[in-house]
């Protein structure tokens, strides 16, 4: 599972790219940013149910994705 921080970083990256993108791509990137925000909120709710904080989430070991398994790298 990814960390809240990672979700928020992805949302910020999408918004940064949207600033310079064409109108069509801008809308897609803003939608992607909103989705990353929703994932961050869902993770925060999950952590709250588990009695954990965002700081504890950040201290968890990084998730390792095997090379070639990330569809965004293709």
PDB file of N, CA and C in Angstrom:
ATOM      1  N   UNK A   1       0.835  -1.173   0.000  1.00  0.00           N
ATOM      2  CA  UNK A   1       0.000   0.000   0.000  1.00  0.00           C
ATOM      3  C   UNK A   1       0.883   1.240   0.000  1.00  0.00           C
ATOM      4  N   UNK A   2       0.492   2.201  -0.752  1.00  0.00           N
ATOM      5  CA  UNK A   2       1.258   3.444  -0.815  1.00  0.00           C
ATOM      6  C   UNK A   2       0.950   4.324   0.389  1.00  0.00           C
ATOM      7  N   UNK A   3       1.792   5.288   0.596  1.00  0.00           N
ATOM      8  CA  UNK A   3       1.653   6.195   1.713  1.00  0.00           C
ATOM      9  C   UNK A   3       0.886   7.444   1.282  1.00  0.00           C
ATOM     10  N   UNK A   4       0.259   8.071   2.263  1.00  0.00           N
ATOM     11  CA  UNK A   4      -0.491   9.300   1.987  1.00  0.00           C
ATOM     12  C   UNK A   4       0.407  10.319   1.311  1.00  0.00           C
ATOM     13  N   UNK A   5       1.628  10.436   1.793  1.00  0.00           N
ATOM     14  CA  UNK A   5       2.572  11.408   1.227  1.00  0.00           C
ATOM     15  C   UNK A   5       2.771  11.179  -0.259  1.00  0.00           C
ATOM     16  N   UNK A   6       2.880   9.913  -0.653  1.00  0.00           N
ATOM     17  CA  UNK A   6       3.079   9.585  -2.071  1.00  0.00           C
ATOM     18  C   UNK A   6       1.865   9.987  -2.901  1.00  0.00           C
ATOM     19  N   UNK A   7       0.674   9.709  -2.387  1.00  0.00           N
ATOM     20  CA  UNK A   7      -0.539  10.089  -3.110  1.00  0.00           C
ATOM     21  C   UNK A   7      -0.584  11.598  -3.317  1.00  0.00           C
ATOM     22  N   UNK A   8      -0.243  12.353  -2.277  1.00  0.00           N
ATOM     23  CA  UNK A   8      -0.280  13.812  -2.375  1.00  0.00           C
ATOM     24  C   UNK A   8       0.796  14.337  -3.326  1.00  0.00           C
ATOM     25  N   UNK A   9       1.945  13.683  -3.337  1.00  0.00           N
ATOM     26  CA  UNK A   9       3.001  14.089  -4.270  1.00  0.00           C
ATOM     27  C   UNK A   9       2.547  13.871  -5.711  1.00  0.00           C
ATOM     28  N   UNK A  10       1.893  12.739  -5.964  1.00  0.00           N
ATOM     29  CA  UNK A  10       1.394  12.468  -7.318  1.00  0.00           C
ATOM     30  C   UNK A  10       0.340  13.505  -7.723  1.00  0.00           C
ATOM     31  N   UNK A  11      -0.536  13.868  -6.788  1.00  0.00           N
ATOM     32  CA  UNK A  11      -1.555  14.884  -7.080  1.00  0.00           C
ATOM     33  C   UNK A  11      -0.886  16.210  -7.431  1.00  0.00           C
ATOM     34  N   UNK A  12       0.131  16.583  -6.672  1.00  0.00           N
ATOM     35  CA  UNK A  12       0.839  17.839  -6.940  1.00  0.00           C
ATOM     36  C   UNK A  12       1.541  17.803  -8.292  1.00  0.00           C
ATOM     37  N   UNK A  13       2.122  16.654  -8.644  1.00  0.00           N
ATOM     38  CA  UNK A  13       2.777  16.520  -9.948  1.00  0.00           C
ATOM     39  C   UNK A  13       1.770  16.691 -11.076  1.00  0.00           C
ATOM     40  N   UNK A  14       0.607  16.098 -10.928  1.00  0.00           N
ATOM     41  CA  UNK A  14      -0.428  16.227 -11.956  1.00  0.00           C
ATOM     42  C   UNK A  14      -0.855  17.686 -12.111  1.00  0.00           C
ATOM     43  N   UNK A  15      -1.020  18.377 -10.985  1.00  0.00           N
ATOM     44  CA  UNK A  15      -1.429  19.786 -11.046  1.00  0.00           C
ATOM     45  C   UNK A  15      -0.341  20.643 -11.690  1.00  0.00           C
ATOM     46  N   UNK A  16       0.914  20.326 -11.400  1.00  0.00           N
ATOM     47  CA  UNK A  16       2.023  21.066 -12.003  1.00  0.00           C
ATOM     48  C   UNK A  16       2.021  20.877 -13.526  1.00  0.00           C
ATOM     49  N   UNK A  17       1.850  19.637 -13.960  1.00  0.00           N
ATOM     50  CA  UNK A  17       1.806  19.376 -15.402  1.00  0.00           C
ATOM     51  C   UNK A  17       0.586  20.025 -16.044  1.00  0.00           C
ATOM     52  N   UNK A  18      -0.523  20.077 -15.316  1.00  0.00           N
ATOM     53  CA  UNK A  18      -1.754  20.659 -15.855  1.00  0.00           C
ATOM     54  C   UNK A  18      -1.592  22.144 -16.150  1.00  0.00           C
ATOM     55  N   UNK A  19      -0.736  22.816 -15.390  1.00  0.00           N
ATOM     56  CA  UNK A  19      -0.539  24.256 -15.587  1.00  0.00           C
ATOM     57  C   UNK A  19      -0.004  24.591 -16.976  1.00  0.00           C
ATOM     58  N   UNK A  20       0.756  23.678 -17.559  1.00  0.00           N
ATOM     59  CA  UNK A  20       1.366  23.968 -18.855  1.00  0.00           C
ATOM     60  C   UNK A  20       0.797  23.101 -19.977  1.00  0.00           C
ATOM     61  N   UNK A  21      -0.190  22.284 -19.662  1.00  0.00           N
ATOM     62  CA  UNK A  21      -0.747  21.350 -20.650  1.00  0.00           C
ATOM     63  C   UNK A  21      -1.813  22.033 -21.505  1.00  0.00           C
ATOM     64  N   UNK A  22      -2.102  21.403 -22.636  1.00  0.00           N
ATOM     65  CA  UNK A  22      -3.189  21.880 -23.480  1.00  0.00           C
ATOM     66  C   UNK A  22      -4.511  21.684 -22.736  1.00  0.00           C
ATOM     67  N   UNK A  23      -5.557  22.329 -23.194  1.00  0.00           N
ATOM     68  CA  UNK A  23      -6.850  22.289 -22.503  1.00  0.00           C
ATOM     69  C   UNK A  23      -7.346  20.857 -22.292  1.00  0.00           C
ATOM     70  N   UNK A  24      -7.240  20.026 -23.320  1.00  0.00           N
ATOM     71  CA  UNK A  24      -7.705  18.650 -23.212  1.00  0.00           C
ATOM     72  C   UNK A  24      -6.915  17.850 -22.198  1.00  0.00           C
ATOM     73  N   UNK A  25      -5.615  18.002 -22.245  1.00  0.00           N
ATOM     74  CA  UNK A  25      -4.768  17.287 -21.291  1.00  0.00           C
ATOM     75  C   UNK A  25      -4.900  17.870 -19.888  1.00  0.00           C
ATOM     76  N   UNK A  26      -5.123  19.172 -19.825  1.00  0.00           N
ATOM     77  CA  UNK A  26      -5.273  19.819 -18.520  1.00  0.00           C
ATOM     78  C   UNK A  26      -6.425  19.190 -17.739  1.00  0.00           C
ATOM     79  N   UNK A  27      -7.538  18.996 -18.404  1.00  0.00           N
ATOM     80  CA  UNK A  27      -8.710  18.411 -17.735  1.00  0.00           C
ATOM     81  C   UNK A  27      -8.401  16.997 -17.243  1.00  0.00           C
ATOM     82  N   UNK A  28      -7.717  16.226 -18.063  1.00  0.00           N
ATOM     83  CA  UNK A  28      -7.358  14.863 -17.653  1.00  0.00           C
ATOM     84  C   UNK A  28      -6.412  14.871 -16.457  1.00  0.00           C
ATOM     85  N   UNK A  29      -5.436  15.754 -16.486  1.00  0.00           N
ATOM     86  CA  UNK A  29      -4.469  15.826 -15.393  1.00  0.00           C
ATOM     87  C   UNK A  29      -5.124  16.305 -14.093  1.00  0.00           C
ATOM     88  N   UNK A  30      -6.055  17.245 -14.210  1.00  0.00           N
ATOM     89  CA  UNK A  30      -6.764  17.705 -13.016  1.00  0.00           C
ATOM     90  C   UNK A  30      -7.635  16.593 -12.447  1.00  0.00           C
ATOM     91  N   UNK A  31      -8.227  15.786 -13.319  1.00  0.00           N
ATOM     92  CA  UNK A  31      -9.017  14.645 -12.867  1.00  0.00           C
ATOM     93  C   UNK A  31      -8.120  13.616 -12.180  1.00  0.00           C
ATOM     94  N   UNK A  32      -6.939  13.390 -12.738  1.00  0.00           N
ATOM     95  CA  UNK A  32      -5.988  12.469 -12.114  1.00  0.00           C
ATOM     96  C   UNK A  32      -5.570  12.983 -10.739  1.00  0.00           C
ATOM     97  N   UNK A  33      -5.330  14.290 -10.623  1.00  0.00           N
ATOM     98  CA  UNK A  33      -4.948  14.875  -9.333  1.00  0.00           C
ATOM     99  C   UNK A  33      -6.064  14.656  -8.311  1.00  0.00           C
ATOM    100  N   UNK A  34      -7.302  14.843  -8.736  1.00  0.00           N
ATOM    101  CA  UNK A  34      -8.434  14.640  -7.829  1.00  0.00           C
ATOM    102  C   UNK A  34      -8.507  13.178  -7.376  1.00  0.00           C
ATOM    103  N   UNK A  35      -8.205  12.263  -8.277  1.00  0.00           N
ATOM    104  CA  UNK A  35      -8.204  10.838  -7.919  1.00  0.00           C
ATOM    105  C   UNK A  35      -7.110  10.543  -6.902  1.00  0.00           C
ATOM    106  N   UNK A  36      -5.909  11.095  -7.094  1.00  0.00           N
ATOM    107  CA  UNK A  36      -4.828  10.906  -6.121  1.00  0.00           C
ATOM    108  C   UNK A  36      -5.243  11.474  -4.765  1.00  0.00           C
ATOM    109  N   UNK A  37      -5.921  12.634  -4.774  1.00  0.00           N
ATOM    110  CA  UNK A  37      -6.403  13.221  -3.520  1.00  0.00           C
ATOM    111  C   UNK A  37      -7.398  12.288  -2.827  1.00  0.00           C
ATOM    112  N   UNK A  38      -8.285  11.680  -3.611  1.00  0.00           N
ATOM    113  CA  UNK A  38      -9.263  10.749  -3.042  1.00  0.00           C
ATOM    114  C   UNK A  38      -8.567   9.540  -2.432  1.00  0.00           C
ATOM    115  N   UNK A  39      -7.529   9.066  -3.095  1.00  0.00           N
ATOM    116  CA  UNK A  39      -6.765   7.936  -2.545  1.00  0.00           C
ATOM    117  C   UNK A  39      -6.091   8.327  -1.235  1.00  0.00           C
ATOM    118  N   UNK A  40      -5.559   9.539  -1.163  1.00  0.00           N
ATOM    119  CA  UNK A  40      -4.928  10.012   0.075  1.00  0.00           C
ATOM    120  C   UNK A  40      -5.962  10.080   1.198  1.00  0.00           C
ATOM    121  N   UNK A  41      -7.151  10.586   0.881  1.00  0.00           N
ATOM    122  CA  UNK A  41      -8.204  10.676   1.888  1.00  0.00           C
ATOM    123  C   UNK A  41      -8.642   9.289   2.348  1.00  0.00           C
ATOM    124  N   UNK A  42      -8.757   8.350   1.417  1.00  0.00           N
ATOM    125  CA  UNK A  42      -9.146   6.982   1.769  1.00  0.00           C
ATOM    126  C   UNK A  42      -8.087   6.344   2.667  1.00  0.00           C
ATOM    127  N   UNK A  43      -6.823   6.578   2.357  1.00  0.00           N
ATOM    128  CA  UNK A  43      -5.736   6.026   3.179  1.00  0.00           C
ATOM    129  C   UNK A  43      -5.770   6.643   4.575  1.00  0.00           C
ATOM    130  N   UNK A  44      -6.037   7.951   4.649  1.00  0.00           N
ATOM    131  CA  UNK A  44      -6.121   8.619   5.945  1.00  0.00           C
ATOM    132  C   UNK A  44      -7.257   8.025   6.777  1.00  0.00           C
ATOM    133  N   UNK A  45      -8.393   7.757   6.148  1.00  0.00           N
ATOM    134  CA  UNK A  45      -9.504   7.136   6.864  1.00  0.00           C
ATOM    135  C   UNK A  45      -9.121   5.742   7.357  1.00  0.00           C
ATOM    136  N   UNK A  46      -8.423   4.976   6.506  1.00  0.00           N
ATOM    137  CA  UNK A  46      -7.996   3.634   6.891  1.00  0.00           C
ATOM    138  C   UNK A  46      -7.059   3.692   8.094  1.00  0.00           C
ATOM    139  N   UNK A  47      -6.113   4.618   8.045  1.00  0.00           N
ATOM    140  CA  UNK A  47      -5.182   4.764   9.167  1.00  0.00           C
ATOM    141  C   UNK A  47      -5.918   5.148  10.442  1.00  0.00           C
ATOM    142  N   UNK A  48      -6.902   6.040  10.328  1.00  0.00           N
ATOM    143  CA  UNK A  48      -7.669   6.462  11.499  1.00  0.00           C
ATOM    144  C   UNK A  48      -8.395   5.266  12.122  1.00  0.00           C
ATOM    145  N   UNK A  49      -8.955   4.413  11.275  1.00  0.00           N
ATOM    146  CA  UNK A  49      -9.627   3.208  11.780  1.00  0.00           C
ATOM    147  C   UNK A  49      -8.656   2.298  12.518  1.00  0.00           C
ATOM    148  N   UNK A  50      -7.409   2.281  12.060  1.00  0.00           N
ATOM    149  CA  UNK A  50      -6.372   1.444  12.679  1.00  0.00           C
ATOM    150  C   UNK A  50      -5.715   2.141  13.867  1.00  0.00           C
ATOM    151  N   UNK A  51      -6.135   3.380  14.130  1.00  0.00           N
ATOM    152  CA  UNK A  51      -5.551   4.132  15.235  1.00  0.00           C
ATOM    153  C   UNK A  51      -4.153   4.622  14.953  1.00  0.00           C
ATOM    154  N   UNK A  52      -3.820   4.818  13.691  1.00  0.00           N
ATOM    155  CA  UNK A  52      -2.480   5.265  13.304  1.00  0.00           C
ATOM    156  C   UNK A  52      -2.535   6.684  12.755  1.00  0.00           C
ATOM    157  N   UNK A  53      -1.398   7.359  12.790  1.00  0.00           N
ATOM    158  CA  UNK A  53      -1.294   8.714  12.272  1.00  0.00           C
ATOM    159  C   UNK A  53      -0.586   8.708  10.912  1.00  0.00           C
ATOM    160  N   UNK A  54      -0.642   9.863  10.244  1.00  0.00           N
ATOM    161  CA  UNK A  54       0.083  10.000   8.975  1.00  0.00           C
ATOM    162  C   UNK A  54       1.583   9.873   9.195  1.00  0.00           C
ATOM    163  N   UNK A  55       2.059  10.323  10.345  1.00  0.00           N
ATOM    164  CA  UNK A  55       3.482  10.215  10.646  1.00  0.00           C
ATOM    165  C   UNK A  55       3.898   8.747  10.746  1.00  0.00           C
ATOM    166  N   UNK A  56       3.032   7.932  11.344  1.00  0.00           N
ATOM    167  CA  UNK A  56       3.320   6.499  11.426  1.00  0.00           C
ATOM    168  C   UNK A  56       3.323   5.875  10.034  1.00  0.00           C
ATOM    169  N   UNK A  57       2.437   6.358   9.181  1.00  0.00           N
ATOM    170  CA  UNK A  57       2.369   5.861   7.808  1.00  0.00           C
ATOM    171  C   UNK A  57       3.683   6.139   7.082  1.00  0.00           C
ATOM    172  N   UNK A  58       4.236   7.323   7.327  1.00  0.00           N
ATOM    173  CA  UNK A  58       5.503   7.701   6.691  1.00  0.00           C
ATOM    174  C   UNK A  58       6.669   6.855   7.179  1.00  0.00           C
ATOM    175  N   UNK A  59       6.569   6.332   8.400  1.00  0.00           N
ATOM    176  CA  UNK A  59       7.658   5.531   8.948  1.00  0.00           C
ATOM    177  C   UNK A  59       7.621   4.079   8.480  1.00  0.00           C
ATOM    178  N   UNK A  60       6.543   3.679   7.810  1.00  0.00           N
ATOM    179  CA  UNK A  60       6.448   2.312   7.308  1.00  0.00           C
ATOM    180  C   UNK A  60       7.473   2.128   6.193  1.00  0.00           C
ATOM    181  N   UNK A  61       7.987   0.917   6.010  1.00  0.00           N
ATOM    182  CA  UNK A  61       8.947   0.671   4.926  1.00  0.00           C
ATOM    183  C   UNK A  61       8.336   1.015   3.563  1.00  0.00           C
ATOM    184  N   UNK A  62       9.171   1.493   2.679  1.00  0.00           N
ATOM    185  CA  UNK A  62       8.729   1.816   1.321  1.00  0.00           C
ATOM    186  C   UNK A  62       8.236   0.563   0.616  1.00  0.00           C
ATOM    187  N   UNK A  63       7.198   0.738  -0.175  1.00  0.00           N
ATOM    188  CA  UNK A  63       6.699  -0.366  -0.984  1.00  0.00           C
ATOM    189  C   UNK A  63       7.629  -0.521  -2.179  1.00  0.00           C
ATOM    190  N   UNK A  64       8.042  -1.727  -2.441  1.00  0.00           N
ATOM    191  CA  UNK A  64       8.931  -1.998  -3.567  1.00  0.00           C
ATOM    192  C   UNK A  64       8.110  -2.630  -4.683  1.00  0.00           C
ATOM    193  N   UNK A  65       8.174  -2.002  -5.857  1.00  0.00           N
ATOM    194  CA  UNK A  65       7.471  -2.506  -7.022  1.00  0.00           C
ATOM    195  C   UNK A  65       8.505  -3.171  -7.931  1.00  0.00           C
ATOM    196  N   UNK A  66       8.344  -4.452  -8.226  1.00  0.00           N
ATOM    197  CA  UNK A  66       9.310  -5.126  -9.102  1.00  0.00           C
ATOM    198  C   UNK A  66       9.403  -4.432 -10.462  1.00  0.00           C
ATOM    199  N   UNK A  67      10.601  -4.388 -11.001  1.00  0.00           N
ATOM    200  CA  UNK A  67      10.822  -3.764 -12.311  1.00  0.00           C
ATOM    201  C   UNK A  67       9.913  -4.406 -13.344  1.00  0.00           C
ATOM    202  N   UNK A  68       9.315  -3.568 -14.161  1.00  0.00           N
ATOM    203  CA  UNK A  68       8.465  -4.073 -15.237  1.00  0.00           C
ATOM    204  C   UNK A  68       7.020  -4.305 -14.819  1.00  0.00           C
ATOM    205  N   UNK A  69       6.714  -4.192 -13.522  1.00  0.00           N
ATOM    206  CA  UNK A  69       5.342  -4.444 -13.093  1.00  0.00           C
ATOM    207  C   UNK A  69       4.521  -3.170 -12.992  1.00  0.00           C
ATOM    208  N   UNK A  70       5.155  -2.015 -13.130  1.00  0.00           N
ATOM    209  CA  UNK A  70       4.434  -0.751 -13.080  1.00  0.00           C
ATOM    210  C   UNK A  70       3.937  -0.421 -14.479  1.00  0.00           C
ATOM    211  N   UNK A  71       2.608  -0.370 -14.696  1.00  0.00           N
ATOM    212  CA  UNK A  71       2.081  -0.101 -16.039  1.00  0.00           C
ATOM    213  C   UNK A  71       2.459   1.283 -16.552  1.00  0.00           C
ATOM    214  N   UNK A  72       2.798   2.214 -15.672  1.00  0.00           N
ATOM    215  CA  UNK A  72       3.186   3.545 -16.116  1.00  0.00           C
ATOM    216  C   UNK A  72       4.586   3.569 -16.717  1.00  0.00           C
ATOM    217  N   UNK A  73       5.361   2.510 -16.473  1.00  0.00           N
ATOM    218  CA  UNK A  73       6.714   2.441 -17.014  1.00  0.00           C
ATOM    219  C   UNK A  73       6.740   1.835 -18.406  1.00  0.00           C
ATOM    220  N   UNK A  74       5.628   1.378 -18.874  1.00  0.00           N
ATOM    221  CA  UNK A  74       5.598   0.711 -20.190  1.00  0.00           C
ATOM    222  C   UNK A  74       5.443   1.674 -21.314  1.00  0.00           C
TER     223      UNK A  74
END
